[in-house]
């Protein structure tokens, strides 16, 4: 979503570079584990859409429920903190090797539940089925993409510093500008022009 030179016939600003995160394994793993294992019920996470069908997922007996709950809460907080730590996005950033990971959070790769705790207790087929049941935005024609449809609302948000849209499988309307650069929205919000227009204008807050 960027061109080298201005094109008067193209309303998309030639220097506007935007990333759409609509397939976030680090977030879907966390949300699946929480729903399948019944963790952190007091954390204000919206209902999921589509709903999780846990399959054969079971909380491992290698730790107590309290310990798994603590680990999930810690990972949830660390995941959102990563967005504040992340380097500004460029196409070249995605080519950085994961071998560069240090003791600090890697600015190019978000923390993942399975990196820290493996796949024990997670029915991978059920997880894949859940992710596969989510809307596939890549089937849209270019002119039907939500960002082009809401370009008049997007440009002011981009000028204010926005460069990344994070799409989460939450039900109904959801929008939070968690950093200057990152807006988190539900699929429904992004796919509905009126809701997306509202979301692109929300002030910066945080996700607990």
Protein backbone atom coordinates (compact mmCIF):
# COMPACT_ATOMS: atom_id res chain seq x y z
CA UNK A 1 0.00 0.00 0.00
CA UNK A 2 2.60 2.52 -1.07
CA UNK A 3 3.81 4.07 -4.33
CA UNK A 4 6.98 5.98 -5.08
CA UNK A 5 5.39 9.03 -6.67
CA UNK A 6 2.10 10.94 -6.33
CA UNK A 7 -0.63 9.81 -8.73
CA UNK A 8 -3.41 12.40 -9.16
CA UNK A 9 -5.79 9.66 -10.29
CA UNK A 10 -5.23 7.60 -7.13
CA UNK A 11 -6.78 9.01 -3.93
CA UNK A 12 -4.51 6.82 -1.78
CA UNK A 13 -1.59 9.04 -0.58
CA UNK A 14 1.53 7.75 -2.30
CA UNK A 15 3.56 7.80 0.93
CA UNK A 16 0.92 6.21 3.17
CA UNK A 17 2.20 2.84 4.37
CA UNK A 18 -0.22 0.73 6.41
CA UNK A 19 -0.03 -2.76 7.87
CA UNK A 20 -3.14 -4.86 8.48
CA UNK A 21 -2.64 -7.60 11.10
CA UNK A 22 -5.62 -9.85 10.44
CA UNK A 23 -3.96 -13.19 11.16
CA UNK A 24 -2.38 -12.87 14.60
CA UNK A 25 -1.24 -16.26 15.88
CA UNK A 26 0.02 -14.71 19.12
CA UNK A 27 -3.44 -13.32 19.91
CA UNK A 28 -5.54 -16.23 18.62
CA UNK A 29 -3.49 -18.73 20.65
CA UNK A 30 -3.98 -16.72 23.82
CA UNK A 31 -7.70 -16.23 23.26
CA UNK A 32 -8.19 -19.90 22.40
CA UNK A 33 -6.33 -21.06 25.55
CA UNK A 34 -8.33 -18.72 27.76
CA UNK A 35 -11.66 -19.93 26.35
CA UNK A 36 -10.72 -23.62 26.20
CA UNK A 37 -9.21 -23.76 29.70
CA UNK A 38 -11.53 -21.28 31.39
CA UNK A 39 -8.78 -18.93 32.56
CA UNK A 40 -8.87 -15.32 33.81
CA UNK A 41 -12.67 -14.96 33.81
CA UNK A 42 -12.45 -11.49 35.35
CA UNK A 43 -10.28 -10.02 32.58
CA UNK A 44 -12.55 -7.76 30.47
CA UNK A 45 -12.16 -9.63 27.18
CA UNK A 46 -15.20 -9.30 24.85
CA UNK A 47 -17.13 -12.32 23.65
CA UNK A 48 -15.40 -14.09 20.79
CA UNK A 49 -16.81 -14.36 17.29
CA UNK A 50 -16.68 -17.05 16.12
CA UNK A 51 -17.02 -18.92 19.40
CA UNK A 52 -14.26 -21.29 20.43
CA UNK A 53 -14.98 -25.02 20.19
CA UNK A 54 -12.18 -26.47 22.36
CA UNK A 55 -12.24 -30.01 20.99
CA UNK A 56 -9.90 -32.17 23.09
CA UNK A 57 -8.12 -29.21 24.69
CA UNK A 58 -7.51 -29.72 28.40
CA UNK A 59 -5.52 -27.73 30.94
CA UNK A 60 -2.27 -29.69 31.60
CA UNK A 61 -1.75 -31.07 35.09
CA UNK A 62 1.90 -29.98 35.04
CA UNK A 63 0.88 -26.88 37.04
CA UNK A 64 -2.06 -25.82 39.18
CA UNK A 65 -5.01 -23.89 37.79
CA UNK A 66 -3.79 -20.87 39.74
CA UNK A 67 -0.37 -21.10 38.10
CA UNK A 68 -1.77 -21.47 34.58
CA UNK A 69 -4.06 -18.52 35.30
CA UNK A 70 -1.08 -16.44 36.45
CA UNK A 71 0.90 -17.41 33.36
CA UNK A 72 -1.95 -16.48 31.04
CA UNK A 73 -2.43 -13.08 32.66
CA UNK A 74 1.29 -12.41 32.42
CA UNK A 75 1.35 -13.38 28.73
CA UNK A 76 -1.72 -11.27 27.97
CA UNK A 77 -0.11 -8.20 29.53
CA UNK A 78 3.19 -8.87 27.77
CA UNK A 79 1.47 -9.24 24.41
CA UNK A 80 -0.05 -5.77 24.55
CA UNK A 81 3.12 -4.29 25.99
CA UNK A 82 4.96 -5.59 22.91
CA UNK A 83 3.01 -3.22 20.68
CA UNK A 84 4.41 -0.30 22.64
CA UNK A 85 7.90 -1.78 22.30
CA UNK A 86 7.69 -2.72 18.62
CA UNK A 87 9.92 -0.95 16.12
CA UNK A 88 8.18 1.24 13.51
CA UNK A 89 7.08 -1.05 10.71
CA UNK A 90 8.83 -1.26 7.36
CA UNK A 91 8.73 -4.09 4.79
CA UNK A 92 12.36 -4.88 5.64
CA UNK A 93 11.55 -5.39 9.32
CA UNK A 94 9.75 -8.63 8.56
CA UNK A 95 12.98 -10.09 7.16
CA UNK A 96 14.82 -9.88 10.48
CA UNK A 97 15.86 -13.26 11.82
CA UNK A 98 14.28 -14.58 14.99
CA UNK A 99 17.83 -15.49 15.97
CA UNK A 100 18.24 -11.82 16.89
CA UNK A 101 15.93 -12.30 19.86
CA UNK A 102 17.58 -11.11 23.07
CA UNK A 103 16.55 -11.14 26.71
CA UNK A 104 14.40 -8.08 25.95
CA UNK A 105 11.27 -8.46 23.82
CA UNK A 106 12.03 -8.87 20.15
CA UNK A 107 10.78 -5.75 18.33
CA UNK A 108 9.97 -7.76 15.19
CA UNK A 109 8.24 -10.86 16.60
CA UNK A 110 5.49 -10.72 19.25
CA UNK A 111 5.63 -13.10 22.23
CA UNK A 112 3.66 -16.31 21.71
CA UNK A 113 2.08 -18.64 24.24
CA UNK A 114 3.36 -21.73 22.43
CA UNK A 115 6.91 -20.39 22.35
CA UNK A 116 6.91 -20.26 26.15
CA UNK A 117 4.64 -23.18 27.07
CA UNK A 118 4.42 -25.41 23.99
CA UNK A 119 1.30 -27.08 22.62
CA UNK A 120 0.49 -29.22 25.64
CA UNK A 121 -3.25 -29.07 26.37
CA UNK A 122 -4.15 -27.41 23.05
CA UNK A 123 -6.14 -29.33 20.45
CA UNK A 124 -4.36 -27.98 17.38
CA UNK A 125 -7.06 -29.19 15.00
CA UNK A 126 -9.72 -27.36 17.03
CA UNK A 127 -7.57 -24.22 17.05
CA UNK A 128 -7.04 -24.45 13.28
CA UNK A 129 -10.79 -24.99 12.74
CA UNK A 130 -11.57 -21.92 14.85
CA UNK A 131 -9.09 -19.73 12.98
CA UNK A 132 -10.32 -21.14 9.68
CA UNK A 133 -13.90 -20.16 10.51
CA UNK A 134 -12.96 -16.49 10.76
CA UNK A 135 -13.75 -14.19 7.79
CA UNK A 136 -11.08 -14.28 5.10
CA UNK A 137 -10.32 -10.65 4.18
CA UNK A 138 -8.00 -11.69 1.37
CA UNK A 139 -10.94 -12.69 -0.81
CA UNK A 140 -11.96 -9.03 -1.23
CA UNK A 141 -11.30 -7.07 -4.39
CA UNK A 142 -8.86 -4.20 -3.99
CA UNK A 143 -11.57 -1.58 -4.28
CA UNK A 144 -13.65 -3.34 -1.61
CA UNK A 145 -10.94 -3.35 1.03
CA UNK A 146 -12.17 -1.58 4.18
CA UNK A 147 -9.23 0.85 4.18
CA UNK A 148 -10.00 2.05 0.67
CA UNK A 149 -13.71 2.22 1.40
CA UNK A 150 -13.00 4.36 4.50
CA UNK A 151 -10.09 6.30 3.01
CA UNK A 152 -11.45 9.70 4.06
CA UNK A 153 -11.45 8.52 7.68
CA UNK A 154 -8.17 6.66 7.41
CA UNK A 155 -6.02 9.51 6.11
CA UNK A 156 -6.44 11.74 9.20
CA UNK A 157 -5.72 8.74 11.46
CA UNK A 158 -2.57 7.98 9.47
CA UNK A 159 -1.47 11.61 9.66
CA UNK A 160 -1.83 11.36 13.45
CA UNK A 161 0.68 8.46 13.49
CA UNK A 162 -1.39 5.33 12.82
CA UNK A 163 0.41 2.70 10.74
CA UNK A 164 -1.00 -0.65 11.97
CA UNK A 165 -4.53 -2.07 12.24
CA UNK A 166 -4.77 -5.12 14.52
CA UNK A 167 -7.89 -7.21 13.84
CA UNK A 168 -9.18 -9.43 16.67
CA UNK A 169 -12.02 -12.01 16.72
CA UNK A 170 -14.24 -10.07 19.12
CA UNK A 171 -18.01 -9.94 18.74
CA UNK A 172 -19.70 -6.67 17.85
CA UNK A 173 -18.11 -3.25 17.84
CA UNK A 174 -14.64 -2.99 19.36
CA UNK A 175 -12.01 -0.30 18.82
CA UNK A 176 -9.04 0.82 20.92
CA UNK A 177 -6.09 2.97 19.87
CA UNK A 178 -3.53 1.34 22.15
CA UNK A 179 -0.55 3.38 20.94
CA UNK A 180 -0.06 6.24 18.52
CA UNK A 181 0.73 3.65 15.84
CA UNK A 182 -1.70 0.80 16.66
CA UNK A 183 -5.49 0.56 16.40
CA UNK A 184 -7.16 -2.67 17.57
CA UNK A 185 -10.56 -3.45 16.01
CA UNK A 186 -12.93 -6.38 15.74
CA UNK A 187 -13.62 -7.92 12.35
CA UNK A 188 -17.18 -6.58 12.48
CA UNK A 189 -15.88 -3.06 13.14
CA UNK A 190 -13.47 -3.13 10.23
CA UNK A 191 -16.02 -4.59 7.83
CA UNK A 192 -18.79 -2.09 8.62
CA UNK A 193 -18.08 1.36 7.11
CA UNK A 194 -19.91 3.36 9.79
CA UNK A 195 -18.26 1.41 12.62
CA UNK A 196 -14.83 1.67 11.01
CA UNK A 197 -15.22 5.42 10.58
CA UNK A 198 -15.97 5.70 14.29
CA UNK A 199 -13.03 3.44 15.20
CA UNK A 200 -10.51 5.40 13.17
CA UNK A 201 -11.33 8.48 15.22
CA UNK A 202 -11.04 6.99 18.72
CA UNK A 203 -8.45 8.54 21.07
CA UNK A 204 -5.54 6.53 22.44
CA UNK A 205 -6.30 4.29 25.44
CA UNK A 206 -4.94 0.91 26.53
CA UNK A 207 -5.99 -2.72 26.80
CA UNK A 208 -5.96 -4.11 30.34
